[in-house]
Amino acid sequence: MGIFTKDIKSMEDLLIHGLHDMYYAEQQIIKSLPDMIEKATNRDLVAGLKGHLEETNKQVERLQKVFEKLGKQPSGTQCPAIDGIIKEADEIASEIEDKAVLDAAIVAAAQAVEHYEICRYGTLIAWAEQLGHDDIVRFLTTNLNEEKAANTKLNTVALRKGVNAKASTAA
């Protein structure tokens, strides 16, 4: 089901499609985070990515509960947006030799993912509220709050923990 196909006839269909999209996205993030963790050299960045991997697994569990409450099977639908963000991050990372610059690129890639997730969860919450699905709003809100916190932690690693400063002095 594509985002603008005739399979989506109602806002309820749109909500379900968005949930399938995020379920897929979270699965792709779980697959890509270990590679980012392996490539990162800044200890605060590594710790943050490891923590977010654990959170992402919990977010998938919450999405499974959302599907259950809606009487749907948890499944994903391919999300070209998250695939593109991850592909771009992989391509850029493969071109960078300097580890300090690579850490800065990893932060940027992770923030692109977080911003996408923040956008999508915010929209899903608004739709769920509009449709009266108060029973799923709390799960989606918890995921949204974790994504916002992860983005804030990435900002801290980049700005206060020296990732950007160290990358800017690389040759």
C-alpha atoms as a PDB file:
ATOM      1  CA  MET A   1       0.000   0.000   0.000  1.00  0.00           C
ATOM      2  CA  GLY A   2       1.580   3.273  -1.090  1.00  0.00           C
ATOM      3  CA  ILE A   3       0.989   6.529   0.743  1.00  0.00           C
ATOM      4  CA  PHE A   4      -1.239   7.911  -2.041  1.00  0.00           C
ATOM      5  CA  THR A   5      -2.939   4.794  -3.351  1.00  0.00           C
ATOM      6  CA  LYS A   6      -6.626   4.047  -3.440  1.00  0.00           C
ATOM      7  CA  ASP A   7      -6.025   1.532  -0.612  1.00  0.00           C
ATOM      8  CA  ILE A   8      -6.211   4.486   1.768  1.00  0.00           C
ATOM      9  CA  LYS A   9      -9.836   5.558   1.823  1.00  0.00           C
ATOM     10  CA  SER A  10     -10.188   7.026   5.294  1.00  0.00           C
ATOM     11  CA  MET A  11      -8.223   8.678   8.053  1.00  0.00           C
ATOM     12  CA  GLU A  12      -8.346   5.339   9.877  1.00  0.00           C
ATOM     13  CA  ASP A  13      -6.611   3.736   6.882  1.00  0.00           C
ATOM     14  CA  LEU A  14      -4.078   6.562   6.927  1.00  0.00           C
ATOM     15  CA  LEU A  15      -3.383   5.983  10.618  1.00  0.00           C
ATOM     16  CA  ILE A  16      -2.894   2.250  10.071  1.00  0.00           C
ATOM     17  CA  HIS A  17      -0.585   2.936   7.125  1.00  0.00           C
ATOM     18  CA  GLY A  18       1.437   5.360   9.251  1.00  0.00           C
ATOM     19  CA  LEU A  19       1.756   2.750  11.983  1.00  0.00           C
ATOM     20  CA  HIS A  20       2.962   0.158   9.460  1.00  0.00           C
ATOM     21  CA  ASP A  21       5.453   2.748   8.203  1.00  0.00           C
ATOM     22  CA  MET A  22       6.837   3.382  11.695  1.00  0.00           C
ATOM     23  CA  TYR A  23       6.944  -0.316  12.534  1.00  0.00           C
ATOM     24  CA  TYR A  24       9.098  -0.855   9.446  1.00  0.00           C
ATOM     25  CA  ALA A  25      11.204   2.224  10.221  1.00  0.00           C
ATOM     26  CA  GLU A  26      11.916   1.089  13.782  1.00  0.00           C
ATOM     27  CA  GLN A  27      12.929  -2.355  12.481  1.00  0.00           C
ATOM     28  CA  GLN A  28      15.345  -0.761   9.995  1.00  0.00           C
ATOM     29  CA  ILE A  29      16.795   1.428  12.739  1.00  0.00           C
ATOM     30  CA  ILE A  30      17.385  -1.658  14.908  1.00  0.00           C
ATOM     31  CA  LYS A  31      19.305  -3.179  11.983  1.00  0.00           C
ATOM     32  CA  SER A  32      21.398  -0.053  11.318  1.00  0.00           C
ATOM     33  CA  LEU A  33      22.303   1.030  14.861  1.00  0.00           C
ATOM     34  CA  PRO A  34      24.854  -1.758  15.521  1.00  0.00           C
ATOM     35  CA  ASP A  35      26.854  -0.618  12.478  1.00  0.00           C
ATOM     36  CA  MET A  36      26.789   2.983  13.700  1.00  0.00           C
ATOM     37  CA  ILE A  37      27.874   1.836  17.156  1.00  0.00           C
ATOM     38  CA  GLU A  38      30.750  -0.144  15.650  1.00  0.00           C
ATOM     39  CA  LYS A  39      31.970   2.830  13.579  1.00  0.00           C
ATOM     40  CA  ALA A  40      31.641   5.474  16.319  1.00  0.00           C
ATOM     41  CA  THR A  41      34.725   6.283  18.378  1.00  0.00           C
ATOM     42  CA  ASN A  42      33.455   8.925  20.823  1.00  0.00           C
ATOM     43  CA  ARG A  43      32.527   7.056  24.018  1.00  0.00           C
ATOM     44  CA  ASP A  44      29.535   9.303  24.763  1.00  0.00           C
ATOM     45  CA  LEU A  45      28.238   8.755  21.235  1.00  0.00           C
ATOM     46  CA  VAL A  46      28.703   4.979  21.519  1.00  0.00           C
ATOM     47  CA  ALA A  47      26.912   4.923  24.880  1.00  0.00           C
ATOM     48  CA  GLY A  48      24.072   7.038  23.550  1.00  0.00           C
ATOM     49  CA  LEU A  49      23.604   4.861  20.471  1.00  0.00           C
ATOM     50  CA  LYS A  50      23.649   1.687  22.591  1.00  0.00           C
ATOM     51  CA  GLY A  51      21.038   3.176  24.900  1.00  0.00           C
ATOM     52  CA  HIS A  52      18.878   4.174  21.977  1.00  0.00           C
ATOM     53  CA  LEU A  53      19.094   0.679  20.508  1.00  0.00           C
ATOM     54  CA  GLU A  54      17.569  -0.644  23.737  1.00  0.00           C
ATOM     55  CA  GLU A  55      14.897   2.068  23.605  1.00  0.00           C
ATOM     56  CA  THR A  56      14.113   1.275  19.978  1.00  0.00           C
ATOM     57  CA  ASN A  57      13.459  -2.369  20.871  1.00  0.00           C
ATOM     58  CA  LYS A  58      10.984  -1.142  23.515  1.00  0.00           C
ATOM     59  CA  GLN A  59       9.410   1.201  20.973  1.00  0.00           C
ATOM     60  CA  VAL A  60       8.778  -1.764  18.682  1.00  0.00           C
ATOM     61  CA  GLU A  61       7.109  -3.563  21.605  1.00  0.00           C
ATOM     62  CA  ARG A  62       4.880  -0.520  22.177  1.00  0.00           C
ATOM     63  CA  LEU A  63       3.950  -0.433  18.496  1.00  0.00           C
ATOM     64  CA  GLN A  64       3.021  -4.114  18.758  1.00  0.00           C
ATOM     65  CA  LYS A  65       0.673  -3.182  21.629  1.00  0.00           C
ATOM     66  CA  VAL A  66      -0.803  -0.407  19.486  1.00  0.00           C
ATOM     67  CA  PHE A  67      -1.556  -2.872  16.685  1.00  0.00           C
ATOM     68  CA  GLU A  68      -3.036  -5.292  19.236  1.00  0.00           C
ATOM     69  CA  LYS A  69      -5.348  -2.590  20.650  1.00  0.00           C
ATOM     70  CA  LEU A  70      -6.490  -1.779  17.107  1.00  0.00           C
ATOM     71  CA  GLY A  71      -7.092  -5.477  16.349  1.00  0.00           C
ATOM     72  CA  LYS A  72      -4.382  -5.522  13.671  1.00  0.00           C
ATOM     73  CA  GLN A  73      -1.338  -7.702  13.077  1.00  0.00           C
ATOM     74  CA  PRO A  74       1.942  -5.876  13.686  1.00  0.00           C
ATOM     75  CA  SER A  75       3.664  -5.538  10.345  1.00  0.00           C
ATOM     76  CA  GLY A  76       5.643  -3.001   8.425  1.00  0.00           C
ATOM     77  CA  THR A  77       5.309  -1.445   5.039  1.00  0.00           C
ATOM     78  CA  GLN A  78       8.397  -0.301   3.212  1.00  0.00           C
ATOM     79  CA  CYS A  79       9.279   3.270   4.070  1.00  0.00           C
ATOM     80  CA  PRO A  80      11.349   4.956   1.353  1.00  0.00           C
ATOM     81  CA  ALA A  81      12.032   7.908   3.672  1.00  0.00           C
ATOM     82  CA  ILE A  82      13.820   5.920   6.381  1.00  0.00           C
ATOM     83  CA  ASP A  83      15.503   3.735   3.766  1.00  0.00           C
ATOM     84  CA  GLY A  84      16.850   6.888   2.122  1.00  0.00           C
ATOM     85  CA  ILE A  85      18.089   8.400   5.381  1.00  0.00           C
ATOM     86  CA  ILE A  86      19.890   5.173   6.294  1.00  0.00           C
ATOM     87  CA  LYS A  87      21.310   4.714   2.782  1.00  0.00           C
ATOM     88  CA  GLU A  88      22.638   8.273   2.723  1.00  0.00           C
ATOM     89  CA  ALA A  89      24.231   7.807   6.157  1.00  0.00           C
ATOM     90  CA  ASP A  90      25.922   4.582   5.023  1.00  0.00           C
ATOM     91  CA  GLU A  91      27.229   6.198   1.837  1.00  0.00           C
ATOM     92  CA  ILE A  92      28.624   9.230   3.642  1.00  0.00           C
ATOM     93  CA  ALA A  93      30.176   7.097   6.383  1.00  0.00           C
ATOM     94  CA  SER A  94      31.927   4.940   3.787  1.00  0.00           C
ATOM     95  CA  GLU A  95      33.601   8.043   2.328  1.00  0.00           C
ATOM     96  CA  ILE A  96      35.018   9.382   5.607  1.00  0.00           C
ATOM     97  CA  GLU A  97      38.421   8.222   6.802  1.00  0.00           C
ATOM     98  CA  ASP A  98      38.987  10.573   9.750  1.00  0.00           C
ATOM     99  CA  LYS A  99      37.339   9.063  12.852  1.00  0.00           C
ATOM    100  CA  ALA A 100      36.498  12.453  14.385  1.00  0.00           C
ATOM    101  CA  VAL A 101      34.726  13.565  11.217  1.00  0.00           C
ATOM    102  CA  LEU A 102      32.995  10.185  11.046  1.00  0.00           C
ATOM    103  CA  ASP A 103      31.637  10.689  14.587  1.00  0.00           C
ATOM    104  CA  ALA A 104      30.174  14.046  13.524  1.00  0.00           C
ATOM    105  CA  ALA A 105      28.599  12.396  10.472  1.00  0.00           C
ATOM    106  CA  ILE A 106      27.120   9.646  12.654  1.00  0.00           C
ATOM    107  CA  VAL A 107      25.570  12.247  14.960  1.00  0.00           C
ATOM    108  CA  ALA A 108      24.086  14.028  11.939  1.00  0.00           C
ATOM    109  CA  ALA A 109      22.698  10.783  10.508  1.00  0.00           C
ATOM    110  CA  ALA A 110      21.223   9.766  13.853  1.00  0.00           C
ATOM    111  CA  GLN A 111      19.601  13.181  14.208  1.00  0.00           C
ATOM    112  CA  ALA A 112      18.079  12.892  10.728  1.00  0.00           C
ATOM    113  CA  VAL A 113      16.513   9.616  11.857  1.00  0.00           C
ATOM    114  CA  GLU A 114      15.279  11.174  15.113  1.00  0.00           C
ATOM    115  CA  HIS A 115      13.744  14.146  13.315  1.00  0.00           C
ATOM    116  CA  TYR A 116      11.891  11.821  10.958  1.00  0.00           C
ATOM    117  CA  GLU A 117      10.578   9.789  13.867  1.00  0.00           C
ATOM    118  CA  ILE A 118       9.551  12.889  15.830  1.00  0.00           C
ATOM    119  CA  CYS A 119       7.597  14.115  12.821  1.00  0.00           C
ATOM    120  CA  ARG A 120       5.863  10.786  12.213  1.00  0.00           C
ATOM    121  CA  TYR A 121       4.991  10.063  15.838  1.00  0.00           C
ATOM    122  CA  GLY A 122       3.610  13.586  16.266  1.00  0.00           C
ATOM    123  CA  THR A 123       1.356  13.078  13.262  1.00  0.00           C
ATOM    124  CA  LEU A 124       0.236   9.620  14.405  1.00  0.00           C
ATOM    125  CA  ILE A 125      -0.675  11.006  17.825  1.00  0.00           C
ATOM    126  CA  ALA A 126      -2.744  13.790  16.262  1.00  0.00           C
ATOM    127  CA  TRP A 127      -4.571  11.320  14.025  1.00  0.00           C
ATOM    128  CA  ALA A 128      -5.163   8.843  16.855  1.00  0.00           C
ATOM    129  CA  GLU A 129      -6.567  11.617  19.044  1.00  0.00           C
ATOM    130  CA  GLN A 130      -8.817  12.833  16.225  1.00  0.00           C
ATOM    131  CA  LEU A 131     -10.118   9.306  15.666  1.00  0.00           C
ATOM    132  CA  GLY A 132     -10.750   8.738  19.380  1.00  0.00           C
ATOM    133  CA  HIS A 133      -8.051   6.097  19.839  1.00  0.00           C
ATOM    134  CA  ASP A 134      -7.085   7.337  23.279  1.00  0.00           C
ATOM    135  CA  ASP A 135      -5.962   3.817  24.204  1.00  0.00           C
ATOM    136  CA  ILE A 136      -2.974   4.031  21.808  1.00  0.00           C
ATOM    137  CA  VAL A 137      -2.020   7.684  22.312  1.00  0.00           C
ATOM    138  CA  ARG A 138      -0.018   6.975  25.463  1.00  0.00           C
ATOM    139  CA  PHE A 139       2.141   4.350  23.692  1.00  0.00           C
ATOM    140  CA  LEU A 140       2.822   6.695  20.785  1.00  0.00           C
ATOM    141  CA  THR A 141       3.503   9.603  23.141  1.00  0.00           C
ATOM    142  CA  THR A 142       6.048   7.560  25.089  1.00  0.00           C
ATOM    143  CA  ASN A 143       7.832   6.742  21.812  1.00  0.00           C
ATOM    144  CA  LEU A 144       7.709  10.402  20.760  1.00  0.00           C
ATOM    145  CA  ASN A 145       9.151  11.557  24.080  1.00  0.00           C
ATOM    146  CA  GLU A 146      11.998   9.038  23.804  1.00  0.00           C
ATOM    147  CA  GLU A 147      12.794  10.243  20.285  1.00  0.00           C
ATOM    148  CA  LYS A 148      12.895  13.858  21.461  1.00  0.00           C
ATOM    149  CA  ALA A 149      15.167  12.884  24.358  1.00  0.00           C
ATOM    150  CA  ALA A 150      17.471  10.956  22.011  1.00  0.00           C
ATOM    151  CA  ASN A 151      17.750  14.007  19.777  1.00  0.00           C
ATOM    152  CA  THR A 152      18.607  16.189  22.773  1.00  0.00           C
ATOM    153  CA  LYS A 153      21.299  13.703  23.838  1.00  0.00           C
ATOM    154  CA  LEU A 154      22.754  13.777  20.315  1.00  0.00           C
ATOM    155  CA  ASN A 155      22.878  17.579  20.469  1.00  0.00           C
ATOM    156  CA  THR A 156      24.737  17.327  23.764  1.00  0.00           C
ATOM    157  CA  VAL A 157      27.241  14.839  22.339  1.00  0.00           C
ATOM    158  CA  ALA A 158      27.831  17.034  19.297  1.00  0.00           C
ATOM    159  CA  LEU A 159      28.073  20.366  21.084  1.00  0.00           C
ATOM    160  CA  ARG A 160      29.083  19.791  24.705  1.00  0.00           C
ATOM    161  CA  LYS A 161      30.921  16.497  24.499  1.00  0.00           C
ATOM    162  CA  GLY A 162      33.199  17.787  21.767  1.00  0.00           C
ATOM    163  CA  VAL A 163      32.295  15.726  18.689  1.00  0.00           C
ATOM    164  CA  ASN A 164      31.838  18.773  16.456  1.00  0.00           C
ATOM    165  CA  ALA A 165      34.819  20.604  17.940  1.00  0.00           C
ATOM    166  CA  LYS A 166      37.111  17.624  17.417  1.00  0.00           C
ATOM    167  CA  ALA A 167      35.830  17.081  13.861  1.00  0.00           C
ATOM    168  CA  SER A 168      36.397  20.736  12.981  1.00  0.00           C
ATOM    169  CA  THR A 169      40.114  20.441  13.766  1.00  0.00           C
ATOM    170  CA  ALA A 170      40.614  17.297  11.684  1.00  0.00           C
ATOM    171  CA  ALA A 171      42.915  17.648   8.714  1.00  0.00           C
END
